[in-house]
Amino acid sequence: MQRIFLIARGSVQGVGFRAFVMGHALQLGVSGYVRNLPDGSVEIVAEGTPEQLEELCRRVRVQERFGISVEQLEERGRKEISKPGFSSFSIAY
């Protein structure tokens, strides 16, 4: 199991991006959270298998969908974890 730290930049606030990410995370069985940052970017912290996390990254790299446009999805870190730190996936405020 791994934990990944991502930053999404582009048109990602005020367009339903957090709900979009949460929907995909729940479909994939990934836990963690997504939240807006003051600089206009969105932080995603997710836990799952490497395959689940790669699929989540693939799905959230959106190009012009329903007003959402991810110009950059930056991986800030990834680490192996022995047990989950989150019981589900949520939108943090």
PDB file of N, CA and C in Angstrom:
ATOM      1  N   MET A   1       0.844  -1.178   0.000  1.00  0.00           N
ATOM      2  CA  MET A   1       0.000   0.000   0.000  1.00  0.00           C
ATOM      3  C   MET A   1       0.890   1.242   0.000  1.00  0.00           C
ATOM      4  N   GLN A   2       0.410   2.278  -0.688  1.00  0.00           N
ATOM      5  CA  GLN A   2       1.170   3.519  -0.799  1.00  0.00           C
ATOM      6  C   GLN A   2       0.287   4.726  -0.492  1.00  0.00           C
ATOM      7  N   ARG A   3       0.950   5.823  -0.131  1.00  0.00           N
ATOM      8  CA  ARG A   3       0.294   7.129   0.008  1.00  0.00           C
ATOM      9  C   ARG A   3       0.964   8.057  -1.003  1.00  0.00           C
ATOM     10  N   ILE A   4       0.137   8.794  -1.752  1.00  0.00           N
ATOM     11  CA  ILE A   4       0.647   9.706  -2.765  1.00  0.00           C
ATOM     12  C   ILE A   4       0.172  11.119  -2.438  1.00  0.00           C
ATOM     13  N   PHE A   5       1.015  12.104  -2.728  1.00  0.00           N
ATOM     14  CA  PHE A   5       0.712  13.510  -2.500  1.00  0.00           C
ATOM     15  C   PHE A   5       0.758  14.213  -3.852  1.00  0.00           C
ATOM     16  N   LEU A   6      -0.364  14.817  -4.264  1.00  0.00           N
ATOM     17  CA  LEU A   6      -0.468  15.450  -5.571  1.00  0.00           C
ATOM     18  C   LEU A   6      -0.930  16.891  -5.435  1.00  0.00           C
ATOM     19  N   ILE A   7      -0.514  17.723  -6.393  1.00  0.00           N
ATOM     20  CA  ILE A   7      -1.009  19.085  -6.518  1.00  0.00           C
ATOM     21  C   ILE A   7      -1.526  19.239  -7.947  1.00  0.00           C
ATOM     22  N   ALA A   8      -2.792  19.633  -8.076  1.00  0.00           N
ATOM     23  CA  ALA A   8      -3.396  19.874  -9.388  1.00  0.00           C
ATOM     24  C   ALA A   8      -3.495  21.380  -9.596  1.00  0.00           C
ATOM     25  N   ARG A   9      -3.060  21.835 -10.779  1.00  0.00           N
ATOM     26  CA  ARG A   9      -3.121  23.255 -11.133  1.00  0.00           C
ATOM     27  C   ARG A   9      -3.896  23.410 -12.434  1.00  0.00           C
ATOM     28  N   GLY A  10      -4.515  24.551 -12.570  1.00  0.00           N
ATOM     29  CA  GLY A  10      -5.300  24.854 -13.764  1.00  0.00           C
ATOM     30  C   GLY A  10      -6.637  25.409 -13.327  1.00  0.00           C
ATOM     31  N   SER A  11      -7.687  25.090 -14.070  1.00  0.00           N
ATOM     32  CA  SER A  11      -9.041  25.490 -13.701  1.00  0.00           C
ATOM     33  C   SER A  11      -9.601  24.362 -12.836  1.00  0.00           C
ATOM     34  N   VAL A  12      -9.270  24.409 -11.539  1.00  0.00           N
ATOM     35  CA  VAL A  12      -9.592  23.304 -10.637  1.00  0.00           C
ATOM     36  C   VAL A  12     -10.352  23.743  -9.385  1.00  0.00           C
ATOM     37  N   GLN A  13     -10.660  25.028  -9.249  1.00  0.00           N
ATOM     38  CA  GLN A  13     -11.456  25.490  -8.113  1.00  0.00           C
ATOM     39  C   GLN A  13     -12.725  26.135  -8.635  1.00  0.00           C
ATOM     40  N   GLY A  14     -13.835  25.836  -7.961  1.00  0.00           N
ATOM     41  CA  GLY A  14     -15.120  26.414  -8.343  1.00  0.00           C
ATOM     42  C   GLY A  14     -15.757  25.754  -9.548  1.00  0.00           C
ATOM     43  N   VAL A  15     -15.267  24.581  -9.939  1.00  0.00           N
ATOM     44  CA  VAL A  15     -15.775  23.887 -11.134  1.00  0.00           C
ATOM     45  C   VAL A  15     -16.170  22.441 -10.850  1.00  0.00           C
ATOM     46  N   GLY A  16     -16.212  22.040  -9.579  1.00  0.00           N
ATOM     47  CA  GLY A  16     -16.584  20.678  -9.216  1.00  0.00           C
ATOM     48  C   GLY A  16     -15.457  19.669  -9.267  1.00  0.00           C
ATOM     49  N   PHE A  17     -14.225  20.148  -9.314  1.00  0.00           N
ATOM     50  CA  PHE A  17     -13.087  19.244  -9.424  1.00  0.00           C
ATOM     51  C   PHE A  17     -12.938  18.348  -8.197  1.00  0.00           C
ATOM     52  N   ARG A  18     -13.135  18.893  -6.996  1.00  0.00           N
ATOM     53  CA  ARG A  18     -12.978  18.064  -5.785  1.00  0.00           C
ATOM     54  C   ARG A  18     -13.989  16.918  -5.775  1.00  0.00           C
ATOM     55  N   ALA A  19     -15.226  17.195  -6.139  1.00  0.00           N
ATOM     56  CA  ALA A  19     -16.240  16.137  -6.201  1.00  0.00           C
ATOM     57  C   ALA A  19     -15.897  15.125  -7.291  1.00  0.00           C
ATOM     58  N   PHE A  20     -15.352  15.613  -8.404  1.00  0.00           N
ATOM     59  CA  PHE A  20     -14.920  14.749  -9.504  1.00  0.00           C
ATOM     60  C   PHE A  20     -13.841  13.781  -9.016  1.00  0.00           C
ATOM     61  N   VAL A  21     -12.848  14.305  -8.292  1.00  0.00           N
ATOM     62  CA  VAL A  21     -11.762  13.473  -7.755  1.00  0.00           C
ATOM     63  C   VAL A  21     -12.321  12.473  -6.745  1.00  0.00           C
ATOM     64  N   MET A  22     -13.176  12.937  -5.848  1.00  0.00           N
ATOM     65  CA  MET A  22     -13.728  12.056  -4.832  1.00  0.00           C
ATOM     66  C   MET A  22     -14.531  10.921  -5.472  1.00  0.00           C
ATOM     67  N   GLY A  23     -15.314  11.211  -6.493  1.00  0.00           N
ATOM     68  CA  GLY A  23     -16.081  10.176  -7.170  1.00  0.00           C
ATOM     69  C   GLY A  23     -15.192   9.082  -7.738  1.00  0.00           C
ATOM     70  N   HIS A  24     -14.115   9.474  -8.382  1.00  0.00           N
ATOM     71  CA  HIS A  24     -13.185   8.484  -8.938  1.00  0.00           C
ATOM     72  C   HIS A  24     -12.457   7.718  -7.840  1.00  0.00           C
ATOM     73  N   ALA A  25     -12.077   8.403  -6.778  1.00  0.00           N
ATOM     74  CA  ALA A  25     -11.394   7.732  -5.674  1.00  0.00           C
ATOM     75  C   ALA A  25     -12.304   6.672  -5.047  1.00  0.00           C
ATOM     76  N   LEU A  26     -13.564   7.015  -4.848  1.00  0.00           N
ATOM     77  CA  LEU A  26     -14.503   6.060  -4.262  1.00  0.00           C
ATOM     78  C   LEU A  26     -14.732   4.873  -5.197  1.00  0.00           C
ATOM     79  N   GLN A  27     -14.829   5.124  -6.496  1.00  0.00           N
ATOM     80  CA  GLN A  27     -14.987   4.035  -7.472  1.00  0.00           C
ATOM     81  C   GLN A  27     -13.806   3.074  -7.420  1.00  0.00           C
ATOM     82  N   LEU A  28     -12.621   3.620  -7.209  1.00  0.00           N
ATOM     83  CA  LEU A  28     -11.399   2.814  -7.218  1.00  0.00           C
ATOM     84  C   LEU A  28     -11.071   2.194  -5.854  1.00  0.00           C
ATOM     85  N   GLY A  29     -11.799   2.578  -4.810  1.00  0.00           N
ATOM     86  CA  GLY A  29     -11.507   2.057  -3.475  1.00  0.00           C
ATOM     87  C   GLY A  29     -10.302   2.704  -2.829  1.00  0.00           C
ATOM     88  N   VAL A  30     -10.027   3.954  -3.215  1.00  0.00           N
ATOM     89  CA  VAL A  30      -8.887   4.713  -2.690  1.00  0.00           C
ATOM     90  C   VAL A  30      -9.369   5.560  -1.512  1.00  0.00           C
ATOM     91  N   SER A  31      -8.561   5.685  -0.471  1.00  0.00           N
ATOM     92  CA  SER A  31      -8.897   6.544   0.665  1.00  0.00           C
ATOM     93  C   SER A  31      -8.010   7.780   0.659  1.00  0.00           C
ATOM     94  N   GLY A  32      -8.405   8.801   1.446  1.00  0.00           N
ATOM     95  CA  GLY A  32      -7.626  10.035   1.528  1.00  0.00           C
ATOM     96  C   GLY A  32      -8.519  11.252   1.522  1.00  0.00           C
ATOM     97  N   TYR A  33      -8.026  12.348   0.936  1.00  0.00           N
ATOM     98  CA  TYR A  33      -8.818  13.574   0.861  1.00  0.00           C
ATOM     99  C   TYR A  33      -8.360  14.446  -0.299  1.00  0.00           C
ATOM    100  N   VAL A  34      -9.210  15.411  -0.630  1.00  0.00           N
ATOM    101  CA  VAL A  34      -8.912  16.430  -1.625  1.00  0.00           C
ATOM    102  C   VAL A  34      -9.333  17.767  -1.033  1.00  0.00           C
ATOM    103  N   ARG A  35      -8.513  18.812  -1.237  1.00  0.00           N
ATOM    104  CA  ARG A  35      -8.872  20.125  -0.693  1.00  0.00           C
ATOM    105  C   ARG A  35      -8.293  21.236  -1.544  1.00  0.00           C
ATOM    106  N   ASN A  36      -9.002  22.381  -1.517  1.00  0.00           N
ATOM    107  CA  ASN A  36      -8.514  23.581  -2.184  1.00  0.00           C
ATOM    108  C   ASN A  36      -7.373  24.185  -1.375  1.00  0.00           C
ATOM    109  N   LEU A  37      -6.418  24.759  -2.083  1.00  0.00           N
ATOM    110  CA  LEU A  37      -5.327  25.494  -1.443  1.00  0.00           C
ATOM    111  C   LEU A  37      -5.479  26.979  -1.751  1.00  0.00           C
ATOM    112  N   PRO A  38      -4.946  27.852  -0.898  1.00  0.00           N
ATOM    113  CA  PRO A  38      -5.109  29.298  -1.083  1.00  0.00           C
ATOM    114  C   PRO A  38      -4.568  29.840  -2.407  1.00  0.00           C
ATOM    115  N   ASP A  39      -3.591  29.164  -3.006  1.00  0.00           N
ATOM    116  CA  ASP A  39      -2.998  29.671  -4.249  1.00  0.00           C
ATOM    117  C   ASP A  39      -3.797  29.301  -5.500  1.00  0.00           C
ATOM    118  N   GLY A  40      -4.975  28.651  -5.326  1.00  0.00           N
ATOM    119  CA  GLY A  40      -5.809  28.285  -6.470  1.00  0.00           C
ATOM    120  C   GLY A  40      -5.596  26.858  -6.953  1.00  0.00           C
ATOM    121  N   SER A  41      -4.653  26.161  -6.356  1.00  0.00           N
ATOM    122  CA  SER A  41      -4.418  24.765  -6.722  1.00  0.00           C
ATOM    123  C   SER A  41      -5.231  23.859  -5.801  1.00  0.00           C
ATOM    124  N   VAL A  42      -5.194  22.560  -6.069  1.00  0.00           N
ATOM    125  CA  VAL A  42      -5.916  21.575  -5.267  1.00  0.00           C
ATOM    126  C   VAL A  42      -4.941  20.482  -4.843  1.00  0.00           C
ATOM    127  N   GLU A  43      -4.987  20.142  -3.559  1.00  0.00           N
ATOM    128  CA  GLU A  43      -4.137  19.085  -3.005  1.00  0.00           C
ATOM    129  C   GLU A  43      -4.933  17.784  -2.940  1.00  0.00           C
ATOM    130  N   ILE A  44      -4.296  16.697  -3.359  1.00  0.00           N
ATOM    131  CA  ILE A  44      -4.889  15.366  -3.267  1.00  0.00           C
ATOM    132  C   ILE A  44      -3.916  14.483  -2.489  1.00  0.00           C
ATOM    133  N   VAL A  45      -4.404  13.872  -1.431  1.00  0.00           N
ATOM    134  CA  VAL A  45      -3.631  12.882  -0.676  1.00  0.00           C
ATOM    135  C   VAL A  45      -4.442  11.600  -0.776  1.00  0.00           C
ATOM    136  N   ALA A  46      -3.840  10.557  -1.343  1.00  0.00           N
ATOM    137  CA  ALA A  46      -4.579   9.322  -1.589  1.00  0.00           C
ATOM    138  C   ALA A  46      -3.767   8.102  -1.182  1.00  0.00           C
ATOM    139  N   GLU A  47      -4.482   7.090  -0.708  1.00  0.00           N
ATOM    140  CA  GLU A  47      -3.861   5.832  -0.303  1.00  0.00           C
ATOM    141  C   GLU A  47      -4.516   4.673  -1.046  1.00  0.00           C
ATOM    142  N   GLY A  48      -3.687   3.738  -1.479  1.00  0.00           N
ATOM    143  CA  GLY A  48      -4.183   2.559  -2.158  1.00  0.00           C
ATOM    144  C   GLY A  48      -3.022   1.754  -2.703  1.00  0.00           C
ATOM    145  N   THR A  49      -3.344   0.792  -3.553  1.00  0.00           N
ATOM    146  CA  THR A  49      -2.291   0.027  -4.210  1.00  0.00           C
ATOM    147  C   THR A  49      -1.653   0.904  -5.279  1.00  0.00           C
ATOM    148  N   PRO A  50      -0.452   0.586  -5.718  1.00  0.00           N
ATOM    149  CA  PRO A  50       0.158   1.370  -6.795  1.00  0.00           C
ATOM    150  C   PRO A  50      -0.738   1.430  -8.040  1.00  0.00           C
ATOM    151  N   GLU A  51      -1.422   0.330  -8.343  1.00  0.00           N
ATOM    152  CA  GLU A  51      -2.304   0.302  -9.517  1.00  0.00           C
ATOM    153  C   GLU A  51      -3.501   1.232  -9.335  1.00  0.00           C
ATOM    154  N   GLN A  52      -4.096   1.231  -8.148  1.00  0.00           N
ATOM    155  CA  GLN A  52      -5.217   2.132  -7.870  1.00  0.00           C
ATOM    156  C   GLN A  52      -4.793   3.590  -7.983  1.00  0.00           C
ATOM    157  N   LEU A  53      -3.625   3.907  -7.444  1.00  0.00           N
ATOM    158  CA  LEU A  53      -3.156   5.293  -7.455  1.00  0.00           C
ATOM    159  C   LEU A  53      -2.813   5.752  -8.872  1.00  0.00           C
ATOM    160  N   GLU A  54      -2.213   4.872  -9.664  1.00  0.00           N
ATOM    161  CA  GLU A  54      -1.908   5.233 -11.058  1.00  0.00           C
ATOM    162  C   GLU A  54      -3.189   5.487 -11.840  1.00  0.00           C
ATOM    163  N   GLU A  55      -4.204   4.656 -11.599  1.00  0.00           N
ATOM    164  CA  GLU A  55      -5.483   4.845 -12.289  1.00  0.00           C
ATOM    165  C   GLU A  55      -6.154   6.139 -11.845  1.00  0.00           C
ATOM    166  N   LEU A  56      -6.075   6.463 -10.547  1.00  0.00           N
ATOM    167  CA  LEU A  56      -6.630   7.729 -10.070  1.00  0.00           C
ATOM    168  C   LEU A  56      -5.938   8.897 -10.760  1.00  0.00           C
ATOM    169  N   CYS A  57      -4.621   8.869 -10.840  1.00  0.00           N
ATOM    170  CA  CYS A  57      -3.874   9.936 -11.511  1.00  0.00           C
ATOM    171  C   CYS A  57      -4.296  10.049 -12.974  1.00  0.00           C
ATOM    172  N   ARG A  58      -4.453   8.927 -13.633  1.00  0.00           N
ATOM    173  CA  ARG A  58      -4.863   8.934 -15.036  1.00  0.00           C
ATOM    174  C   ARG A  58      -6.242   9.588 -15.189  1.00  0.00           C
ATOM    175  N   ARG A  59      -7.153   9.259 -14.298  1.00  0.00           N
ATOM    176  CA  ARG A  59      -8.509   9.781 -14.395  1.00  0.00           C
ATOM    177  C   ARG A  59      -8.613  11.270 -14.071  1.00  0.00           C
ATOM    178  N   VAL A  60      -7.776  11.775 -13.160  1.00  0.00           N
ATOM    179  CA  VAL A  60      -7.913  13.187 -12.780  1.00  0.00           C
ATOM    180  C   VAL A  60      -7.110  14.129 -13.675  1.00  0.00           C
ATOM    181  N   ARG A  61      -6.339  13.595 -14.592  1.00  0.00           N
ATOM    182  CA  ARG A  61      -5.642  14.444 -15.564  1.00  0.00           C
ATOM    183  C   ARG A  61      -6.632  14.840 -16.658  1.00  0.00           C
ATOM    184  N   VAL A  62      -7.553  15.708 -16.311  1.00  0.00           N
ATOM    185  CA  VAL A  62      -8.669  16.070 -17.178  1.00  0.00           C
ATOM    186  C   VAL A  62      -8.278  17.231 -18.081  1.00  0.00           C
ATOM    187  N   GLN A  63      -8.663  17.140 -19.308  1.00  0.00           N
ATOM    188  CA  GLN A  63      -8.460  18.252 -20.242  1.00  0.00           C
ATOM    189  C   GLN A  63      -9.820  18.752 -20.701  1.00  0.00           C
ATOM    190  N   GLU A  64     -10.228  19.907 -20.184  1.00  0.00           N
ATOM    191  CA  GLU A  64     -11.466  20.567 -20.608  1.00  0.00           C
ATOM    192  C   GLU A  64     -12.689  19.660 -20.512  1.00  0.00           C
ATOM    193  N   ARG A  65     -13.076  19.343 -19.298  1.00  0.00           N
ATOM    194  CA  ARG A  65     -14.287  18.553 -19.090  1.00  0.00           C
ATOM    195  C   ARG A  65     -15.177  19.261 -18.078  1.00  0.00           C
ATOM    196  N   PHE A  66     -16.348  19.668 -18.498  1.00  0.00           N
ATOM    197  CA  PHE A  66     -17.326  20.330 -17.635  1.00  0.00           C
ATOM    198  C   PHE A  66     -16.721  21.538 -16.918  1.00  0.00           C
ATOM    199  N   GLY A  67     -15.859  22.286 -17.576  1.00  0.00           N
ATOM    200  CA  GLY A  67     -15.226  23.450 -16.983  1.00  0.00           C
ATOM    201  C   GLY A  67     -13.949  23.151 -16.226  1.00  0.00           C
ATOM    202  N   ILE A  68     -13.640  21.873 -16.045  1.00  0.00           N
ATOM    203  CA  ILE A  68     -12.416  21.473 -15.349  1.00  0.00           C
ATOM    204  C   ILE A  68     -11.295  21.351 -16.369  1.00  0.00           C
ATOM    205  N   SER A  69     -10.157  21.934 -16.054  1.00  0.00           N
ATOM    206  CA  SER A  69      -8.977  21.795 -16.906  1.00  0.00           C
ATOM    207  C   SER A  69      -7.743  21.677 -16.020  1.00  0.00           C
ATOM    208  N   VAL A  70      -7.173  20.474 -15.971  1.00  0.00           N
ATOM    209  CA  VAL A  70      -5.962  20.251 -15.183  1.00  0.00           C
ATOM    210  C   VAL A  70      -4.767  20.506 -16.100  1.00  0.00           C
ATOM    211  N   GLU A  71      -4.095  21.620 -15.874  1.00  0.00           N
ATOM    212  CA  GLU A  71      -2.932  21.971 -16.691  1.00  0.00           C
ATOM    213  C   GLU A  71      -1.686  21.233 -16.209  1.00  0.00           C
ATOM    214  N   GLN A  72      -1.644  20.950 -14.899  1.00  0.00           N
ATOM    215  CA  GLN A  72      -0.485  20.242 -14.335  1.00  0.00           C
ATOM    216  C   GLN A  72      -0.941  19.408 -13.150  1.00  0.00           C
ATOM    217  N   LEU A  73      -0.501  18.147 -13.115  1.00  0.00           N
ATOM    218  CA  LEU A  73      -0.707  17.281 -11.958  1.00  0.00           C
ATOM    219  C   LEU A  73       0.678  16.881 -11.480  1.00  0.00           C
ATOM    220  N   GLU A  74       1.092  17.516 -10.390  1.00  0.00           N
ATOM    221  CA  GLU A  74       2.445  17.325  -9.864  1.00  0.00           C
ATOM    222  C   GLU A  74       2.447  16.336  -8.710  1.00  0.00           C
ATOM    223  N   GLU A  75       3.268  15.317  -8.813  1.00  0.00           N
ATOM    224  CA  GLU A  75       3.433  14.375  -7.710  1.00  0.00           C
ATOM    225  C   GLU A  75       4.486  14.944  -6.775  1.00  0.00           C
ATOM    226  N   ARG A  76       4.081  15.235  -5.547  1.00  0.00           N
ATOM    227  CA  ARG A  76       4.984  15.820  -4.557  1.00  0.00           C
ATOM    228  C   ARG A  76       5.641  14.777  -3.673  1.00  0.00           C
ATOM    229  N   GLY A  77       5.166  13.545  -3.757  1.00  0.00           N
ATOM    230  CA  GLY A  77       5.750  12.495  -2.947  1.00  0.00           C
ATOM    231  C   GLY A  77       4.919  11.236  -2.998  1.00  0.00           C
ATOM    232  N   ARG A  78       5.583  10.137  -2.688  1.00  0.00           N
ATOM    233  CA  ARG A  78       4.923   8.834  -2.631  1.00  0.00           C
ATOM    234  C   ARG A  78       5.715   8.007  -1.631  1.00  0.00           C
ATOM    235  N   LYS A  79       4.991   7.316  -0.759  1.00  0.00           N
ATOM    236  CA  LYS A  79       5.708   6.486   0.201  1.00  0.00           C
ATOM    237  C   LYS A  79       4.917   5.223   0.491  1.00  0.00           C
ATOM    238  N   GLU A  80       5.653   4.207   0.846  1.00  0.00           N
ATOM    239  CA  GLU A  80       5.056   2.938   1.255  1.00  0.00           C
ATOM    240  C   GLU A  80       4.490   3.124   2.661  1.00  0.00           C
ATOM    241  N   ILE A  81       3.303   2.566   2.894  1.00  0.00           N
ATOM    242  CA  ILE A  81       2.705   2.625   4.220  1.00  0.00           C
ATOM    243  C   ILE A  81       2.297   1.214   4.639  1.00  0.00           C
ATOM    244  N   SER A  82       2.372   0.943   5.939  1.00  0.00           N
ATOM    245  CA  SER A  82       2.037  -0.398   6.424  1.00  0.00           C
ATOM    246  C   SER A  82       0.548  -0.544   6.710  1.00  0.00           C
ATOM    247  N   LYS A  83      -0.105   0.577   7.055  1.00  0.00           N
ATOM    248  CA  LYS A  83      -1.549   0.531   7.285  1.00  0.00           C
ATOM    249  C   LYS A  83      -2.163   1.857   6.863  1.00  0.00           C
ATOM    250  N   PRO A  84      -3.417   1.841   6.447  1.00  0.00           N
ATOM    251  CA  PRO A  84      -4.068   3.070   5.983  1.00  0.00           C
ATOM    252  C   PRO A  84      -4.183   4.116   7.082  1.00  0.00           C
ATOM    253  N   GLY A  85      -4.056   5.354   6.696  1.00  0.00           N
ATOM    254  CA  GLY A  85      -4.247   6.464   7.621  1.00  0.00           C
ATOM    255  C   GLY A  85      -5.637   7.061   7.511  1.00  0.00           C
ATOM    256  N   PHE A  86      -6.397   6.650   6.496  1.00  0.00           N
ATOM    257  CA  PHE A  86      -7.743   7.170   6.250  1.00  0.00           C
ATOM    258  C   PHE A  86      -8.701   5.995   6.079  1.00  0.00           C
ATOM    259  N   SER A  87      -9.937   6.155   6.544  1.00  0.00           N
ATOM    260  CA  SER A  87     -10.913   5.076   6.413  1.00  0.00           C
ATOM    261  C   SER A  87     -11.755   5.217   5.147  1.00  0.00           C
ATOM    262  N   SER A  88     -11.783   6.422   4.550  1.00  0.00           N
ATOM    263  CA  SER A  88     -12.541   6.661   3.327  1.00  0.00           C
ATOM    264  C   SER A  88     -11.914   7.835   2.599  1.00  0.00           C
ATOM    265  N   PHE A  89     -12.568   8.304   1.550  1.00  0.00           N
ATOM    266  CA  PHE A  89     -12.087   9.471   0.815  1.00  0.00           C
ATOM    267  C   PHE A  89     -13.081  10.601   1.037  1.00  0.00           C
ATOM    268  N   SER A  90     -12.573  11.805   1.291  1.00  0.00           N
ATOM    269  CA  SER A  90     -13.451  12.927   1.585  1.00  0.00           C
ATOM    270  C   SER A  90     -12.935  14.225   0.976  1.00  0.00           C
ATOM    271  N   ILE A  91     -13.815  15.206   0.973  1.00  0.00           N
ATOM    272  CA  ILE A  91     -13.447  16.570   0.598  1.00  0.00           C
ATOM    273  C   ILE A  91     -13.153  17.306   1.891  1.00  0.00           C
ATOM    274  N   ALA A  92     -11.959  17.828   2.022  1.00  0.00           N
ATOM    275  CA  ALA A  92     -11.573  18.586   3.221  1.00  0.00           C
ATOM    276  C   ALA A  92     -11.812  20.060   2.965  1.00  0.00           C
ATOM    277  N   TYR A  93     -12.225  20.770   3.996  1.00  0.00           N
ATOM    278  CA  TYR A  93     -12.495  22.206   3.878  1.00  0.00           C
ATOM    279  C   TYR A  93     -11.577  22.996   4.768  1.00  0.00           C
TER     280      TYR A  93
END
